[in-house]
Amino acid sequence: MKKIEIGEVFTIGDEQEEQEVEVIATLTVDDQDYVAVAFVDDLHEDVEEDIEVFFLKVDENGDFDAIESDEEFDKVSEAFDEMVEEMEEE
């Protein structure tokens, strides 16, 4: 599997709308890899509101899957928040 790097840009969406997202973090929770992504437009504009962050599961082929359960999302979100707090303390 190709390692996903912070700063990589991907297009996600469906038949009706596609958006570019940028990887802002990678993390592993319970031996499962995830990426935190945000819309490229939000990251590169001066926005005063918080930037919306999404989490995607990385499968064994390096493809992205949606997180299916609230419990899984909560675990990943909590791990991301802890990682951000540690970075801010440095």
C-alpha atoms as a PDB file:
ATOM      1  CA  MET A   1       0.000   0.000   0.000  1.00  0.00           C
ATOM      2  CA  LYS A   2       1.246   3.471  -0.898  1.00  0.00           C
ATOM      3  CA  LYS A   3       1.780   5.657   2.154  1.00  0.00           C
ATOM      4  CA  ILE A   4      -0.577   8.619   2.223  1.00  0.00           C
ATOM      5  CA  GLU A   5       1.236  11.863   2.958  1.00  0.00           C
ATOM      6  CA  ILE A   6       0.029  14.995   4.704  1.00  0.00           C
ATOM      7  CA  GLY A   7      -0.610  17.644   2.058  1.00  0.00           C
ATOM      8  CA  GLU A   8      -1.794  15.227  -0.624  1.00  0.00           C
ATOM      9  CA  VAL A   9      -4.898  16.413  -2.478  1.00  0.00           C
ATOM     10  CA  PHE A  10      -7.679  14.064  -3.578  1.00  0.00           C
ATOM     11  CA  THR A  11     -11.019  14.495  -5.290  1.00  0.00           C
ATOM     12  CA  ILE A  12     -14.006  12.995  -3.518  1.00  0.00           C
ATOM     13  CA  GLY A  13     -17.690  13.127  -4.307  1.00  0.00           C
ATOM     14  CA  ASP A  14     -20.448  11.543  -6.269  1.00  0.00           C
ATOM     15  CA  GLU A  15     -22.018  11.897  -9.710  1.00  0.00           C
ATOM     16  CA  GLN A  16     -23.493  15.296  -8.829  1.00  0.00           C
ATOM     17  CA  GLU A  17     -20.627  17.038  -7.045  1.00  0.00           C
ATOM     18  CA  GLU A  18     -16.902  16.584  -6.614  1.00  0.00           C
ATOM     19  CA  GLN A  19     -14.671  18.445  -4.164  1.00  0.00           C
ATOM     20  CA  GLU A  20     -10.946  18.545  -3.638  1.00  0.00           C
ATOM     21  CA  VAL A  21      -9.775  17.644  -0.131  1.00  0.00           C
ATOM     22  CA  GLU A  22      -6.316  17.837   1.376  1.00  0.00           C
ATOM     23  CA  VAL A  23      -4.912  15.395   3.900  1.00  0.00           C
ATOM     24  CA  ILE A  24      -4.150  17.339   7.077  1.00  0.00           C
ATOM     25  CA  ALA A  25      -3.300  14.352   9.288  1.00  0.00           C
ATOM     26  CA  THR A  26      -2.892  10.595   9.269  1.00  0.00           C
ATOM     27  CA  LEU A  27      -3.597   8.447  12.284  1.00  0.00           C
ATOM     28  CA  THR A  28      -4.005   4.846  13.324  1.00  0.00           C
ATOM     29  CA  VAL A  29      -6.670   3.775  15.798  1.00  0.00           C
ATOM     30  CA  ASP A  30      -7.084   0.121  16.822  1.00  0.00           C
ATOM     31  CA  ASP A  31      -4.737  -0.996  13.985  1.00  0.00           C
ATOM     32  CA  GLN A  32      -6.887   0.789  11.363  1.00  0.00           C
ATOM     33  CA  ASP A  33      -5.470   3.690   9.333  1.00  0.00           C
ATOM     34  CA  TYR A  34      -7.444   6.902   8.875  1.00  0.00           C
ATOM     35  CA  VAL A  35      -6.912  10.297   7.295  1.00  0.00           C
ATOM     36  CA  ALA A  36      -8.245  13.646   8.425  1.00  0.00           C
ATOM     37  CA  VAL A  37      -9.089  15.822   5.434  1.00  0.00           C
ATOM     38  CA  ALA A  38     -10.472  19.297   4.840  1.00  0.00           C
ATOM     39  CA  PHE A  39     -11.733  21.033   1.724  1.00  0.00           C
ATOM     40  CA  VAL A  40      -8.862  22.633  -0.204  1.00  0.00           C
ATOM     41  CA  ASP A  41     -10.839  25.845  -0.715  1.00  0.00           C
ATOM     42  CA  ASP A  42     -11.321  26.212   3.062  1.00  0.00           C
ATOM     43  CA  LEU A  43      -7.654  25.568   3.807  1.00  0.00           C
ATOM     44  CA  HIS A  44      -6.336  28.104   1.330  1.00  0.00           C
ATOM     45  CA  GLU A  45      -8.756  30.949   1.994  1.00  0.00           C
ATOM     46  CA  ASP A  46      -8.821  33.310   4.921  1.00  0.00           C
ATOM     47  CA  VAL A  47     -11.889  31.988   6.702  1.00  0.00           C
ATOM     48  CA  GLU A  48     -12.812  33.150  10.156  1.00  0.00           C
ATOM     49  CA  GLU A  49     -14.963  30.180  11.075  1.00  0.00           C
ATOM     50  CA  ASP A  50     -13.543  26.788  11.999  1.00  0.00           C
ATOM     51  CA  ILE A  51     -12.447  24.571   9.158  1.00  0.00           C
ATOM     52  CA  GLU A  52     -14.588  21.468   8.793  1.00  0.00           C
ATOM     53  CA  VAL A  53     -12.521  18.282   9.165  1.00  0.00           C
ATOM     54  CA  PHE A  54     -13.635  14.897   7.854  1.00  0.00           C
ATOM     55  CA  PHE A  55     -12.269  11.459   8.691  1.00  0.00           C
ATOM     56  CA  LEU A  56     -11.953   8.667   6.170  1.00  0.00           C
ATOM     57  CA  LYS A  57     -10.926   5.069   6.716  1.00  0.00           C
ATOM     58  CA  VAL A  58      -8.031   3.811   4.573  1.00  0.00           C
ATOM     59  CA  ASP A  59      -8.537   0.253   3.336  1.00  0.00           C
ATOM     60  CA  GLU A  60      -5.818  -2.299   2.586  1.00  0.00           C
ATOM     61  CA  ASN A  61      -5.580  -1.036  -1.029  1.00  0.00           C
ATOM     62  CA  GLY A  62      -5.084   2.569   0.048  1.00  0.00           C
ATOM     63  CA  ASP A  63      -8.618   3.545  -0.983  1.00  0.00           C
ATOM     64  CA  PHE A  64     -10.874   5.649   1.207  1.00  0.00           C
ATOM     65  CA  ASP A  65     -14.014   4.326   2.872  1.00  0.00           C
ATOM     66  CA  ALA A  66     -16.598   6.105   4.964  1.00  0.00           C
ATOM     67  CA  ILE A  67     -16.660   5.531   8.696  1.00  0.00           C
ATOM     68  CA  GLU A  68     -19.797   3.505   9.291  1.00  0.00           C
ATOM     69  CA  SER A  69     -20.573   3.817  13.000  1.00  0.00           C
ATOM     70  CA  ASP A  70     -20.830   6.657  15.486  1.00  0.00           C
ATOM     71  CA  GLU A  71     -18.634   4.680  17.889  1.00  0.00           C
ATOM     72  CA  GLU A  72     -15.840   4.391  15.307  1.00  0.00           C
ATOM     73  CA  PHE A  73     -16.165   8.081  14.412  1.00  0.00           C
ATOM     74  CA  ASP A  74     -15.975   9.079  18.088  1.00  0.00           C
ATOM     75  CA  LYS A  75     -12.784   7.048  18.591  1.00  0.00           C
ATOM     76  CA  VAL A  76     -11.098   8.597  15.567  1.00  0.00           C
ATOM     77  CA  SER A  77     -12.275  12.102  16.428  1.00  0.00           C
ATOM     78  CA  GLU A  78     -10.980  11.772  19.990  1.00  0.00           C
ATOM     79  CA  ALA A  79      -7.594  10.476  18.772  1.00  0.00           C
ATOM     80  CA  PHE A  80      -7.362  13.409  16.328  1.00  0.00           C
ATOM     81  CA  ASP A  81      -8.218  15.935  19.048  1.00  0.00           C
ATOM     82  CA  GLU A  82      -5.519  14.454  21.303  1.00  0.00           C
ATOM     83  CA  MET A  83      -2.984  14.652  18.467  1.00  0.00           C
ATOM     84  CA  VAL A  84      -3.832  18.319  17.821  1.00  0.00           C
ATOM     85  CA  GLU A  85      -3.540  19.145  21.544  1.00  0.00           C
ATOM     86  CA  GLU A  86      -0.104  17.511  21.706  1.00  0.00           C
ATOM     87  CA  MET A  87       1.050  19.485  18.656  1.00  0.00           C
ATOM     88  CA  GLU A  88      -0.166  22.750  20.190  1.00  0.00           C
ATOM     89  CA  GLU A  89       1.762  22.040  23.406  1.00  0.00           C
ATOM     90  CA  GLU A  90       5.069  21.664  21.532  1.00  0.00           C
END
